[in-house]
Amino acid sequence: MENHWLPPLLLLLCVSTAGSTVLQDFSSLPFEEGYTRLFGDQNLVVQRDGKTVHVSLDKTTGSGFVSSDLYQYGFFSASIKLPGDYTAGVVVAFYMSNGDMFEDNHDEIDFEFLGNIRGREWRMQTNVYGNGSTSRGREERYGLWFDPSEDFHRYSMLWTTTHIVFYVDDVPIREVKRSASMGGDYPTKPMSVYTTIWDGSDWATSGGRYKVNYKLSPYVARFTDLVLHGCAVDPIQLPKPSACEPDPDISGLIISAKQRSAMDAFREKHMTYSYCYDRVRYPSPLPECVVEPEVAGRLNEAGTTKFGRRHRHHGRRQRQHPVDAGDGQSH
C-alpha cells in the first residue's frame, strides 16, 4: 500500500486552528465505568489495566459490549486493533444505535470493518440512519492508508444537532450535514454506543463468496482508549424531549479549512463506494447528495458504484445465537 500520502495529511492536522477543539483533550475511561457486557460471555475479556477489552469470534459465538448510558449528541471514540491474516466474513462494528428501544424508527451511526482473504486489506464502512430509514442506507466504503491489524488506530464519531463527522486517527473522513431535505432521516434520538464482532459470512467478503474459517479462530479485536463524551439521558424519561444543553466542547469541534483539505484528500484517494453515486439503488440521488462528475467517473472506472447485499447488525442488547463452524476458504 502506498504511504507517501500520510505525512502531508498529518502536517495539515498539526496546525492549530481557532474555533476547533483538539480531539485528544477528551479523556478515556475504564471499561467498567462506562460499558457493560452485551453478549459473548467468555469471548469478552477485560485486561488487567481495566481499560483494554478483547472481543473474539469463534465457532460458538461472537461477542460485544454496550455503553451503560444512552447519549443524545456527543463525541465517542475507541482505539481498535483488528484481527490479522485471513479474516474473510468477519465483521467488527463500532456504532451507535437505539434499535432496542425504537424498533420501528431507530437511529444509527456506524463504523463497520469488513474482513478479507489473506493478502487483501480490511475495508471500512460508515453509515447513518435516522428514524427507521433503513431503506435509504447512506453507506460509504473506504480503504485505509495503514494495516489496521498491526497496531491500534483511533476511530471517532462526532454527533451534534447539525452534523455528524467520522474520524480516523483524528483525520475527518466524512461529514453528514443535517438539512431540511433529509427530513427525519437525520439521527436525533438518544442512542447507546456498541462494539461487536460477528460472523457476516453471507455478505461481508465478495458478497458472501468467502466465509469465516473457524479453523483459524478465535478472531480477536482489541479495544482501548474508550471515550464517551456526551449528554447521558435517563431512558425512563423517553420518549419525552431530552433536557440536554449545548456542550461547548462539542459545538466547538468544527472542521477547519486545513482539516477539510485533509478530508478531501482522503476521500479522493481511499473512498471506494458512496451511496450518492449508486444509480442501481437510487436512480435519482438522495436530496442531500452533491454529485461531482470527477468522483462519479473514478468510481465508475473502478467498478465500485454498486453496493451489493444489505445487512443488519448482530447483537444489539440481546444474546447472539451460536454460529455453525463452517470451514470457509483460506487463501
C-alpha atoms as a PDB file:
ATOM      1  CA  MET A   1       0.000   0.000   0.000  1.00  0.00           C
ATOM      2  CA  GLU A   2       1.288   3.484  -0.788  1.00  0.00           C
ATOM      3  CA  ASN A   3       2.095   5.522   2.316  1.00  0.00           C
ATOM      4  CA  HIS A   4       3.554   8.736   0.867  1.00  0.00           C
ATOM      5  CA  TRP A   5       0.170  10.480   1.229  1.00  0.00           C
ATOM      6  CA  LEU A   6       0.042  10.274   5.037  1.00  0.00           C
ATOM      7  CA  PRO A   7       2.792  12.687   6.221  1.00  0.00           C
ATOM      8  CA  PRO A   8       1.390  15.787   4.463  1.00  0.00           C
ATOM      9  CA  LEU A   9      -2.066  14.877   5.787  1.00  0.00           C
ATOM     10  CA  LEU A  10      -0.767  14.757   9.353  1.00  0.00           C
ATOM     11  CA  LEU A  11       1.089  18.012   8.755  1.00  0.00           C
ATOM     12  CA  LEU A  12      -2.195  19.667   7.859  1.00  0.00           C
ATOM     13  CA  LEU A  13      -3.796  18.461  11.075  1.00  0.00           C
ATOM     14  CA  CYS A  14      -0.929  19.510  13.322  1.00  0.00           C
ATOM     15  CA  VAL A  15      -1.624  23.177  12.621  1.00  0.00           C
ATOM     16  CA  SER A  16      -3.867  24.570  15.354  1.00  0.00           C
ATOM     17  CA  THR A  17      -6.979  26.387  14.201  1.00  0.00           C
ATOM     18  CA  ALA A  18      -9.069  28.893  16.142  1.00  0.00           C
ATOM     19  CA  GLY A  19     -12.533  27.619  16.901  1.00  0.00           C
ATOM     20  CA  SER A  20     -11.656  23.921  16.813  1.00  0.00           C
ATOM     21  CA  THR A  21     -11.080  21.628  19.786  1.00  0.00           C
ATOM     22  CA  VAL A  22      -8.170  19.181  19.863  1.00  0.00           C
ATOM     23  CA  LEU A  23      -9.702  15.698  19.874  1.00  0.00           C
ATOM     24  CA  GLN A  24      -7.046  14.347  22.214  1.00  0.00           C
ATOM     25  CA  ASP A  25      -8.473  16.522  25.005  1.00  0.00           C
ATOM     26  CA  PHE A  26     -11.309  14.035  25.570  1.00  0.00           C
ATOM     27  CA  SER A  27     -10.297  11.631  28.338  1.00  0.00           C
ATOM     28  CA  SER A  28     -10.845   7.873  28.171  1.00  0.00           C
ATOM     29  CA  LEU A  29     -12.450   5.855  30.930  1.00  0.00           C
ATOM     30  CA  PRO A  30     -12.156   2.339  32.377  1.00  0.00           C
ATOM     31  CA  PHE A  31     -14.441  -0.257  30.830  1.00  0.00           C
ATOM     32  CA  GLU A  32     -16.462  -0.857  33.996  1.00  0.00           C
ATOM     33  CA  GLU A  33     -17.202   2.869  34.381  1.00  0.00           C
ATOM     34  CA  GLY A  34     -18.821   3.284  31.003  1.00  0.00           C
ATOM     35  CA  TYR A  35     -19.712  -0.071  29.492  1.00  0.00           C
ATOM     36  CA  THR A  36     -21.361  -3.383  30.214  1.00  0.00           C
ATOM     37  CA  ARG A  37     -21.143  -6.783  28.549  1.00  0.00           C
ATOM     38  CA  LEU A  38     -23.608  -7.322  25.717  1.00  0.00           C
ATOM     39  CA  PHE A  39     -23.106 -10.939  24.616  1.00  0.00           C
ATOM     40  CA  GLY A  40     -20.365 -13.496  24.215  1.00  0.00           C
ATOM     41  CA  ASP A  41     -19.584 -14.323  27.858  1.00  0.00           C
ATOM     42  CA  GLN A  42     -16.113 -15.897  27.787  1.00  0.00           C
ATOM     43  CA  ASN A  43     -15.344 -14.235  24.433  1.00  0.00           C
ATOM     44  CA  LEU A  44     -15.151 -10.804  26.065  1.00  0.00           C
ATOM     45  CA  VAL A  45     -12.084 -10.291  28.265  1.00  0.00           C
ATOM     46  CA  VAL A  46     -11.253  -7.092  30.137  1.00  0.00           C
ATOM     47  CA  GLN A  47      -7.486  -6.795  30.502  1.00  0.00           C
ATOM     48  CA  ARG A  48      -5.651  -6.109  33.766  1.00  0.00           C
ATOM     49  CA  ASP A  49      -5.377  -2.369  33.062  1.00  0.00           C
ATOM     50  CA  GLY A  50      -9.188  -2.160  33.181  1.00  0.00           C
ATOM     51  CA  LYS A  51      -9.209  -0.039  30.007  1.00  0.00           C
ATOM     52  CA  THR A  52      -8.440  -2.557  27.269  1.00  0.00           C
ATOM     53  CA  VAL A  53     -11.042  -5.088  26.113  1.00  0.00           C
ATOM     54  CA  HIS A  54     -10.638  -8.085  23.799  1.00  0.00           C
ATOM     55  CA  VAL A  55     -13.726  -9.326  21.952  1.00  0.00           C
ATOM     56  CA  SER A  56     -13.493 -12.503  19.907  1.00  0.00           C
ATOM     57  CA  LEU A  57     -15.373 -14.636  17.413  1.00  0.00           C
ATOM     58  CA  ASP A  58     -15.142 -18.415  17.433  1.00  0.00           C
ATOM     59  CA  LYS A  59     -17.362 -21.280  16.330  1.00  0.00           C
ATOM     60  CA  THR A  60     -19.652 -20.841  19.348  1.00  0.00           C
ATOM     61  CA  THR A  61     -20.357 -17.106  19.310  1.00  0.00           C
ATOM     62  CA  GLY A  62     -19.217 -13.593  18.626  1.00  0.00           C
ATOM     63  CA  SER A  63     -19.109 -11.002  21.407  1.00  0.00           C
ATOM     64  CA  GLY A  64     -19.657  -7.361  22.205  1.00  0.00           C
ATOM     65  CA  PHE A  65     -20.283  -4.660  24.771  1.00  0.00           C
ATOM     66  CA  VAL A  66     -22.547  -1.632  25.100  1.00  0.00           C
ATOM     67  CA  SER A  67     -22.444   1.681  26.942  1.00  0.00           C
ATOM     68  CA  SER A  68     -24.181   1.741  30.298  1.00  0.00           C
ATOM     69  CA  ASP A  69     -25.912   5.008  29.385  1.00  0.00           C
ATOM     70  CA  LEU A  70     -27.849   6.416  26.463  1.00  0.00           C
ATOM     71  CA  TYR A  71     -26.457   9.603  24.949  1.00  0.00           C
ATOM     72  CA  GLN A  72     -28.009  12.407  22.955  1.00  0.00           C
ATOM     73  CA  TYR A  73     -25.215  14.019  20.953  1.00  0.00           C
ATOM     74  CA  GLY A  74     -21.541  13.940  21.851  1.00  0.00           C
ATOM     75  CA  PHE A  75     -18.112  12.613  20.886  1.00  0.00           C
ATOM     76  CA  PHE A  76     -17.458   8.870  21.024  1.00  0.00           C
ATOM     77  CA  SER A  77     -14.179   7.181  20.287  1.00  0.00           C
ATOM     78  CA  ALA A  78     -12.208   3.940  20.571  1.00  0.00           C
ATOM     79  CA  SER A  79      -8.743   2.809  19.585  1.00  0.00           C
ATOM     80  CA  ILE A  80      -9.079  -0.523  17.798  1.00  0.00           C
ATOM     81  CA  LYS A  81      -6.667  -3.217  16.625  1.00  0.00           C
ATOM     82  CA  LEU A  82      -8.311  -5.641  14.223  1.00  0.00           C
ATOM     83  CA  PRO A  83      -7.539  -9.353  13.705  1.00  0.00           C
ATOM     84  CA  GLY A  84      -4.865 -10.170  11.144  1.00  0.00           C
ATOM     85  CA  ASP A  85      -4.204 -12.712   8.405  1.00  0.00           C
ATOM     86  CA  TYR A  86      -7.300 -14.442   6.893  1.00  0.00           C
ATOM     87  CA  THR A  87     -10.379 -12.580   8.186  1.00  0.00           C
ATOM     88  CA  ALA A  88     -12.950 -13.141   5.413  1.00  0.00           C
ATOM     89  CA  GLY A  89     -16.526 -12.971   6.695  1.00  0.00           C
ATOM     90  CA  VAL A  90     -15.508 -11.316   9.979  1.00  0.00           C
ATOM     91  CA  VAL A  91     -17.280  -8.049  10.837  1.00  0.00           C
ATOM     92  CA  VAL A  92     -16.150  -5.720  13.623  1.00  0.00           C
ATOM     93  CA  ALA A  93     -18.515  -2.847  14.407  1.00  0.00           C
ATOM     94  CA  PHE A  94     -18.222   0.319  16.497  1.00  0.00           C
ATOM     95  CA  TYR A  95     -21.513   2.149  16.306  1.00  0.00           C
ATOM     96  CA  MET A  96     -24.402   3.954  17.968  1.00  0.00           C
ATOM     97  CA  SER A  97     -27.997   2.745  17.903  1.00  0.00           C
ATOM     98  CA  ASN A  98     -31.313   2.850  19.733  1.00  0.00           C
ATOM     99  CA  GLY A  99     -32.822  -0.132  17.912  1.00  0.00           C
ATOM    100  CA  ASP A 100     -33.588  -1.898  21.178  1.00  0.00           C
ATOM    101  CA  MET A 101     -35.870   0.970  22.245  1.00  0.00           C
ATOM    102  CA  PHE A 102     -37.228   2.202  18.902  1.00  0.00           C
ATOM    103  CA  GLU A 103     -37.628  -0.926  16.817  1.00  0.00           C
ATOM    104  CA  ASP A 104     -39.699   0.698  14.076  1.00  0.00           C
ATOM    105  CA  ASN A 105     -37.962   4.077  13.884  1.00  0.00           C
ATOM    106  CA  HIS A 106     -34.452   3.610  15.209  1.00  0.00           C
ATOM    107  CA  ASP A 107     -31.410   5.820  14.601  1.00  0.00           C
ATOM    108  CA  GLU A 108     -27.887   4.621  13.901  1.00  0.00           C
ATOM    109  CA  ILE A 109     -24.343   5.921  13.260  1.00  0.00           C
ATOM    110  CA  ASP A 110     -21.881   3.232  12.174  1.00  0.00           C
ATOM    111  CA  PHE A 111     -18.298   2.257  11.706  1.00  0.00           C
ATOM    112  CA  GLU A 112     -18.023  -1.266  10.314  1.00  0.00           C
ATOM    113  CA  PHE A 113     -14.840  -3.128   9.422  1.00  0.00           C
ATOM    114  CA  LEU A 114     -15.120  -5.938   6.876  1.00  0.00           C
ATOM    115  CA  GLY A 115     -12.531  -8.706   6.864  1.00  0.00           C
ATOM    116  CA  ASN A 116     -10.874 -10.146   3.784  1.00  0.00           C
ATOM    117  CA  ILE A 117      -8.952 -13.094   2.389  1.00  0.00           C
ATOM    118  CA  ARG A 118      -5.240 -13.408   3.064  1.00  0.00           C
ATOM    119  CA  GLY A 119      -3.215 -10.785   1.225  1.00  0.00           C
ATOM    120  CA  ARG A 120      -6.113  -8.350   0.853  1.00  0.00           C
ATOM    121  CA  GLU A 121      -6.906  -5.416   3.089  1.00  0.00           C
ATOM    122  CA  TRP A 122      -9.661  -4.774   5.583  1.00  0.00           C
ATOM    123  CA  ARG A 123     -12.360  -2.440   4.269  1.00  0.00           C
ATOM    124  CA  MET A 124     -14.082   0.194   6.372  1.00  0.00           C
ATOM    125  CA  GLN A 125     -17.693   1.287   6.022  1.00  0.00           C
ATOM    126  CA  THR A 126     -19.665   4.177   7.536  1.00  0.00           C
ATOM    127  CA  ASN A 127     -23.413   4.639   7.567  1.00  0.00           C
ATOM    128  CA  VAL A 128     -26.153   6.849   9.021  1.00  0.00           C
ATOM    129  CA  TYR A 129     -29.821   6.017   9.639  1.00  0.00           C
ATOM    130  CA  GLY A 130     -32.472   8.273  11.119  1.00  0.00           C
ATOM    131  CA  ASN A 131     -35.987   7.471  12.234  1.00  0.00           C
ATOM    132  CA  GLY A 132     -36.028   3.956  10.805  1.00  0.00           C
ATOM    133  CA  SER A 133     -34.813   4.992   7.333  1.00  0.00           C
ATOM    134  CA  THR A 134     -33.145   1.618   6.710  1.00  0.00           C
ATOM    135  CA  SER A 135     -34.493   1.516   3.145  1.00  0.00           C
ATOM    136  CA  ARG A 136     -32.383   4.614   2.424  1.00  0.00           C
ATOM    137  CA  GLY A 137     -28.947   3.490   3.521  1.00  0.00           C
ATOM    138  CA  ARG A 138     -26.238   6.142   3.321  1.00  0.00           C
ATOM    139  CA  GLU A 139     -23.267   3.812   3.193  1.00  0.00           C
ATOM    140  CA  GLU A 140     -19.746   4.726   2.168  1.00  0.00           C
ATOM    141  CA  ARG A 141     -16.766   2.365   1.917  1.00  0.00           C
ATOM    142  CA  TYR A 142     -13.046   3.066   2.053  1.00  0.00           C
ATOM    143  CA  GLY A 143      -9.616   1.557   2.055  1.00  0.00           C
ATOM    144  CA  LEU A 144      -7.127   2.700   4.697  1.00  0.00           C
ATOM    145  CA  TRP A 145      -3.592   4.064   4.466  1.00  0.00           C
ATOM    146  CA  PHE A 146      -2.349   1.575   7.089  1.00  0.00           C
ATOM    147  CA  ASP A 147      -2.821  -2.054   8.114  1.00  0.00           C
ATOM    148  CA  PRO A 148      -5.421  -1.878  10.942  1.00  0.00           C
ATOM    149  CA  SER A 149      -4.293  -5.281  12.279  1.00  0.00           C
ATOM    150  CA  GLU A 150      -0.717  -4.174  13.030  1.00  0.00           C
ATOM    151  CA  ASP A 151      -1.448  -1.554  15.695  1.00  0.00           C
ATOM    152  CA  PHE A 152      -4.189   0.413  17.418  1.00  0.00           C
ATOM    153  CA  HIS A 153      -5.846   3.224  15.475  1.00  0.00           C
ATOM    154  CA  ARG A 154      -8.443   5.684  16.717  1.00  0.00           C
ATOM    155  CA  TYR A 155     -11.947   5.781  15.240  1.00  0.00           C
ATOM    156  CA  SER A 156     -14.319   8.538  16.381  1.00  0.00           C
ATOM    157  CA  MET A 157     -17.873   9.746  15.849  1.00  0.00           C
ATOM    158  CA  LEU A 158     -18.929  13.349  16.464  1.00  0.00           C
ATOM    159  CA  TRP A 159     -22.710  13.759  16.625  1.00  0.00           C
ATOM    160  CA  THR A 160     -24.327  17.172  17.085  1.00  0.00           C
ATOM    161  CA  THR A 161     -27.688  18.729  16.290  1.00  0.00           C
ATOM    162  CA  THR A 162     -26.305  19.983  12.982  1.00  0.00           C
ATOM    163  CA  HIS A 163     -23.744  17.494  11.695  1.00  0.00           C
ATOM    164  CA  ILE A 164     -22.018  14.134  12.091  1.00  0.00           C
ATOM    165  CA  VAL A 165     -18.293  13.684  11.498  1.00  0.00           C
ATOM    166  CA  PHE A 166     -16.388  10.395  11.270  1.00  0.00           C
ATOM    167  CA  TYR A 167     -12.665  10.481  12.119  1.00  0.00           C
ATOM    168  CA  VAL A 168      -9.786   8.037  11.703  1.00  0.00           C
ATOM    169  CA  ASP A 169      -6.727   8.894  13.809  1.00  0.00           C
ATOM    170  CA  ASP A 170      -8.255  12.363  14.246  1.00  0.00           C
ATOM    171  CA  VAL A 171      -8.475  12.837  10.480  1.00  0.00           C
ATOM    172  CA  PRO A 172     -12.057  13.748   9.446  1.00  0.00           C
ATOM    173  CA  ILE A 173     -13.065  11.353   6.665  1.00  0.00           C
ATOM    174  CA  ARG A 174     -16.781  12.058   6.286  1.00  0.00           C
ATOM    175  CA  GLU A 175     -19.224  14.793   7.265  1.00  0.00           C
ATOM    176  CA  VAL A 176     -23.005  14.419   7.202  1.00  0.00           C
ATOM    177  CA  LYS A 177     -24.748  17.782   7.479  1.00  0.00           C
ATOM    178  CA  ARG A 178     -28.298  17.970   8.726  1.00  0.00           C
ATOM    179  CA  SER A 179     -30.553  19.571   6.147  1.00  0.00           C
ATOM    180  CA  ALA A 180     -34.248  20.157   5.612  1.00  0.00           C
ATOM    181  CA  SER A 181     -34.096  17.820   2.617  1.00  0.00           C
ATOM    182  CA  MET A 182     -33.113  14.884   4.873  1.00  0.00           C
ATOM    183  CA  GLY A 183     -36.267  15.294   6.939  1.00  0.00           C
ATOM    184  CA  GLY A 184     -36.439  12.651   9.662  1.00  0.00           C
ATOM    185  CA  ASP A 185     -33.505  10.701   8.221  1.00  0.00           C
ATOM    186  CA  TYR A 186     -31.084  12.576  10.490  1.00  0.00           C
ATOM    187  CA  PRO A 187     -30.478  10.798  13.857  1.00  0.00           C
ATOM    188  CA  THR A 188     -31.904  12.775  16.774  1.00  0.00           C
ATOM    189  CA  LYS A 189     -32.991  10.305  19.468  1.00  0.00           C
ATOM    190  CA  PRO A 190     -30.707   9.157  22.319  1.00  0.00           C
ATOM    191  CA  MET A 191     -28.505   6.190  21.452  1.00  0.00           C
ATOM    192  CA  SER A 192     -26.210   3.666  23.117  1.00  0.00           C
ATOM    193  CA  VAL A 193     -22.643   3.010  21.939  1.00  0.00           C
ATOM    194  CA  TYR A 194     -21.882  -0.567  20.847  1.00  0.00           C
ATOM    195  CA  THR A 195     -18.922  -2.669  19.817  1.00  0.00           C
ATOM    196  CA  THR A 196     -19.375  -6.158  18.347  1.00  0.00           C
ATOM    197  CA  ILE A 197     -17.527  -8.844  16.421  1.00  0.00           C
ATOM    198  CA  TRP A 198     -19.642 -11.331  14.492  1.00  0.00           C
ATOM    199  CA  ASP A 199     -19.959 -13.648  11.514  1.00  0.00           C
ATOM    200  CA  GLY A 200     -21.027 -11.825   8.349  1.00  0.00           C
ATOM    201  CA  SER A 201     -20.140 -14.687   6.007  1.00  0.00           C
ATOM    202  CA  ASP A 202     -23.314 -14.304   3.975  1.00  0.00           C
ATOM    203  CA  TRP A 203     -22.355 -10.798   2.721  1.00  0.00           C
ATOM    204  CA  ALA A 204     -19.186  -9.233   4.136  1.00  0.00           C
ATOM    205  CA  THR A 205     -16.470 -10.509   1.758  1.00  0.00           C
ATOM    206  CA  SER A 206     -17.057 -10.553  -2.010  1.00  0.00           C
ATOM    207  CA  GLY A 207     -20.821 -10.710  -1.482  1.00  0.00           C
ATOM    208  CA  GLY A 208     -20.567 -13.884   0.599  1.00  0.00           C
ATOM    209  CA  ARG A 209     -18.147 -15.773  -1.651  1.00  0.00           C
ATOM    210  CA  TYR A 210     -15.573 -16.123   1.133  1.00  0.00           C
ATOM    211  CA  LYS A 211     -16.670 -17.302   4.586  1.00  0.00           C
ATOM    212  CA  VAL A 212     -15.286 -17.240   8.102  1.00  0.00           C
ATOM    213  CA  ASN A 213     -12.785 -20.073   8.543  1.00  0.00           C
ATOM    214  CA  TYR A 214     -13.246 -21.312  12.104  1.00  0.00           C
ATOM    215  CA  LYS A 215     -10.124 -23.446  11.876  1.00  0.00           C
ATOM    216  CA  LEU A 216      -8.278 -20.128  12.241  1.00  0.00           C
ATOM    217  CA  SER A 217     -10.381 -18.845  15.153  1.00  0.00           C
ATOM    218  CA  PRO A 218     -10.563 -17.174  17.547  1.00  0.00           C
ATOM    219  CA  TYR A 219     -10.591 -13.851  15.706  1.00  0.00           C
ATOM    220  CA  VAL A 220      -9.750 -11.205  18.308  1.00  0.00           C
ATOM    221  CA  ALA A 221     -10.451  -7.467  18.071  1.00  0.00           C
ATOM    222  CA  ARG A 222      -8.839  -5.273  20.717  1.00  0.00           C
ATOM    223  CA  PHE A 223     -10.375  -2.038  22.021  1.00  0.00           C
ATOM    224  CA  THR A 224      -8.818   0.625  24.270  1.00  0.00           C
ATOM    225  CA  ASP A 225      -8.912   4.415  24.916  1.00  0.00           C
ATOM    226  CA  LEU A 226     -12.706   4.334  25.195  1.00  0.00           C
ATOM    227  CA  VAL A 227     -14.237   7.826  25.131  1.00  0.00           C
ATOM    228  CA  LEU A 228     -17.865   8.589  25.976  1.00  0.00           C
ATOM    229  CA  HIS A 229     -18.239  12.368  25.983  1.00  0.00           C
ATOM    230  CA  GLY A 230     -21.898  13.259  25.650  1.00  0.00           C
ATOM    231  CA  CYS A 231     -25.144  14.090  27.374  1.00  0.00           C
ATOM    232  CA  ALA A 232     -26.370  10.998  29.226  1.00  0.00           C
ATOM    233  CA  VAL A 233     -30.136  10.513  29.060  1.00  0.00           C
ATOM    234  CA  ASP A 234     -32.332   8.648  31.526  1.00  0.00           C
ATOM    235  CA  PRO A 235     -34.242   6.015  29.492  1.00  0.00           C
ATOM    236  CA  ILE A 236     -37.171   6.304  31.901  1.00  0.00           C
ATOM    237  CA  GLN A 237     -37.751   9.834  30.599  1.00  0.00           C
ATOM    238  CA  LEU A 238     -38.103   8.673  26.992  1.00  0.00           C
ATOM    239  CA  PRO A 239     -39.752   9.446  24.648  1.00  0.00           C
ATOM    240  CA  LYS A 240     -40.008  12.912  26.233  1.00  0.00           C
ATOM    241  CA  PRO A 241     -37.627  15.506  24.766  1.00  0.00           C
ATOM    242  CA  SER A 242     -34.176  15.498  26.337  1.00  0.00           C
ATOM    243  CA  ALA A 243     -33.042  18.311  28.606  1.00  0.00           C
ATOM    244  CA  CYS A 244     -29.503  18.216  27.191  1.00  0.00           C
ATOM    245  CA  GLU A 245     -27.859  21.608  26.943  1.00  0.00           C
ATOM    246  CA  PRO A 246     -25.405  22.502  24.144  1.00  0.00           C
ATOM    247  CA  ASP A 247     -21.890  21.303  25.030  1.00  0.00           C
ATOM    248  CA  PRO A 248     -19.241  23.919  24.118  1.00  0.00           C
ATOM    249  CA  ASP A 249     -16.598  21.177  23.838  1.00  0.00           C
ATOM    250  CA  ILE A 250     -18.717  19.513  21.165  1.00  0.00           C
ATOM    251  CA  SER A 251     -20.100  22.558  19.382  1.00  0.00           C
ATOM    252  CA  GLY A 252     -16.538  23.872  19.126  1.00  0.00           C
ATOM    253  CA  LEU A 253     -15.485  20.891  17.027  1.00  0.00           C
ATOM    254  CA  ILE A 254     -15.693  22.425  13.589  1.00  0.00           C
ATOM    255  CA  ILE A 255     -13.794  21.229  10.541  1.00  0.00           C
ATOM    256  CA  SER A 256     -11.130  23.794   9.731  1.00  0.00           C
ATOM    257  CA  ALA A 257     -10.054  24.611   6.193  1.00  0.00           C
ATOM    258  CA  LYS A 258      -6.891  22.521   6.621  1.00  0.00           C
ATOM    259  CA  GLN A 259      -8.850  19.597   8.052  1.00  0.00           C
ATOM    260  CA  ARG A 260     -11.286  19.820   5.156  1.00  0.00           C
ATOM    261  CA  SER A 261      -8.390  19.655   2.725  1.00  0.00           C
ATOM    262  CA  ALA A 262      -7.149  16.548   4.523  1.00  0.00           C
ATOM    263  CA  MET A 263     -10.637  15.026   4.387  1.00  0.00           C
ATOM    264  CA  ASP A 264     -10.906  15.757   0.665  1.00  0.00           C
ATOM    265  CA  ALA A 265      -7.506  14.124   0.102  1.00  0.00           C
ATOM    266  CA  PHE A 266      -8.579  11.020   1.999  1.00  0.00           C
ATOM    267  CA  ARG A 267     -11.834  10.702   0.099  1.00  0.00           C
ATOM    268  CA  GLU A 268     -10.166  11.181  -3.266  1.00  0.00           C
ATOM    269  CA  LYS A 269      -7.571   8.503  -2.573  1.00  0.00           C
ATOM    270  CA  HIS A 270      -9.434   5.989  -0.404  1.00  0.00           C
ATOM    271  CA  MET A 271     -13.220   6.190  -0.897  1.00  0.00           C
ATOM    272  CA  THR A 272     -14.326   3.191  -2.971  1.00  0.00           C
ATOM    273  CA  TYR A 273     -18.125   3.492  -2.713  1.00  0.00           C
ATOM    274  CA  SER A 274     -20.709   6.173  -1.928  1.00  0.00           C
ATOM    275  CA  TYR A 275     -24.473   5.845  -1.974  1.00  0.00           C
ATOM    276  CA  CYS A 276     -24.644   9.172  -3.792  1.00  0.00           C
ATOM    277  CA  TYR A 277     -23.192   7.538  -6.920  1.00  0.00           C
ATOM    278  CA  ASP A 278     -25.144   4.257  -6.826  1.00  0.00           C
ATOM    279  CA  ARG A 279     -27.737   4.514  -9.612  1.00  0.00           C
ATOM    280  CA  VAL A 280     -28.941   0.940  -9.081  1.00  0.00           C
ATOM    281  CA  ARG A 281     -30.170   1.679  -5.579  1.00  0.00           C
ATOM    282  CA  TYR A 282     -31.022   5.319  -6.187  1.00  0.00           C
ATOM    283  CA  PRO A 283     -31.838   6.196  -9.825  1.00  0.00           C
ATOM    284  CA  SER A 284     -32.143   9.740  -8.519  1.00  0.00           C
ATOM    285  CA  PRO A 285     -29.595  10.703  -5.823  1.00  0.00           C
ATOM    286  CA  LEU A 286     -30.931  11.313  -2.327  1.00  0.00           C
ATOM    287  CA  PRO A 287     -31.644  15.033  -1.867  1.00  0.00           C
ATOM    288  CA  GLU A 288     -28.575  15.864   0.237  1.00  0.00           C
ATOM    289  CA  CYS A 289     -26.149  14.398  -2.328  1.00  0.00           C
ATOM    290  CA  VAL A 290     -23.818  16.680  -4.269  1.00  0.00           C
ATOM    291  CA  VAL A 291     -22.703  14.624  -7.257  1.00  0.00           C
ATOM    292  CA  GLU A 292     -19.267  15.505  -8.594  1.00  0.00           C
ATOM    293  CA  PRO A 293     -18.584  14.295 -12.147  1.00  0.00           C
ATOM    294  CA  GLU A 294     -14.919  13.506 -11.475  1.00  0.00           C
ATOM    295  CA  VAL A 295     -15.827  11.326  -8.480  1.00  0.00           C
ATOM    296  CA  ALA A 296     -18.542   9.577 -10.479  1.00  0.00           C
ATOM    297  CA  GLY A 297     -16.055   8.896 -13.231  1.00  0.00           C
ATOM    298  CA  ARG A 298     -13.460   7.488 -10.838  1.00  0.00           C
ATOM    299  CA  LEU A 299     -15.919   5.169  -9.094  1.00  0.00           C
ATOM    300  CA  ASN A 300     -17.413   4.039 -12.399  1.00  0.00           C
ATOM    301  CA  GLU A 301     -13.968   3.272 -13.757  1.00  0.00           C
ATOM    302  CA  ALA A 302     -13.158   1.260 -10.628  1.00  0.00           C
ATOM    303  CA  GLY A 303     -16.461  -0.603 -10.899  1.00  0.00           C
ATOM    304  CA  THR A 304     -17.477   0.231  -7.316  1.00  0.00           C
ATOM    305  CA  THR A 305     -20.761   2.082  -7.822  1.00  0.00           C
ATOM    306  CA  LYS A 306     -22.906  -0.878  -6.705  1.00  0.00           C
ATOM    307  CA  PHE A 307     -23.272  -1.616  -3.017  1.00  0.00           C
ATOM    308  CA  GLY A 308     -24.173  -5.303  -3.028  1.00  0.00           C
ATOM    309  CA  ARG A 309     -26.185  -7.138  -0.413  1.00  0.00           C
ATOM    310  CA  ARG A 310     -27.734  -5.349   2.528  1.00  0.00           C
ATOM    311  CA  HIS A 311     -27.453  -6.464   6.134  1.00  0.00           C
ATOM    312  CA  ARG A 312     -28.216  -5.577   9.731  1.00  0.00           C
ATOM    313  CA  HIS A 313     -26.070  -5.620  12.848  1.00  0.00           C
ATOM    314  CA  HIS A 314     -25.998  -8.657  15.109  1.00  0.00           C
ATOM    315  CA  GLY A 315     -26.170  -8.498  18.872  1.00  0.00           C
ATOM    316  CA  ARG A 316     -27.988  -5.356  19.989  1.00  0.00           C
ATOM    317  CA  ARG A 317     -28.600  -5.898  23.691  1.00  0.00           C
ATOM    318  CA  GLN A 318     -29.560  -9.483  23.054  1.00  0.00           C
ATOM    319  CA  ARG A 319     -27.515 -12.635  23.044  1.00  0.00           C
ATOM    320  CA  GLN A 320     -26.304 -13.834  19.679  1.00  0.00           C
ATOM    321  CA  HIS A 321     -27.067 -17.435  18.786  1.00  0.00           C
ATOM    322  CA  PRO A 322     -24.073 -19.736  18.205  1.00  0.00           C
ATOM    323  CA  VAL A 323     -22.923 -19.918  14.605  1.00  0.00           C
ATOM    324  CA  ASP A 324     -22.138 -23.014  12.582  1.00  0.00           C
ATOM    325  CA  ALA A 325     -18.473 -23.921  12.360  1.00  0.00           C
ATOM    326  CA  GLY A 326     -18.050 -23.645   8.607  1.00  0.00           C
ATOM    327  CA  ASP A 327     -14.532 -24.099   7.236  1.00  0.00           C
ATOM    328  CA  GLY A 328     -14.732 -21.232   4.770  1.00  0.00           C
ATOM    329  CA  GLN A 329     -11.946 -20.819   2.251  1.00  0.00           C
ATOM    330  CA  SER A 330      -8.371 -19.955   3.118  1.00  0.00           C
ATOM    331  CA  HIS A 331      -6.057 -18.255   0.612  1.00  0.00           C
END
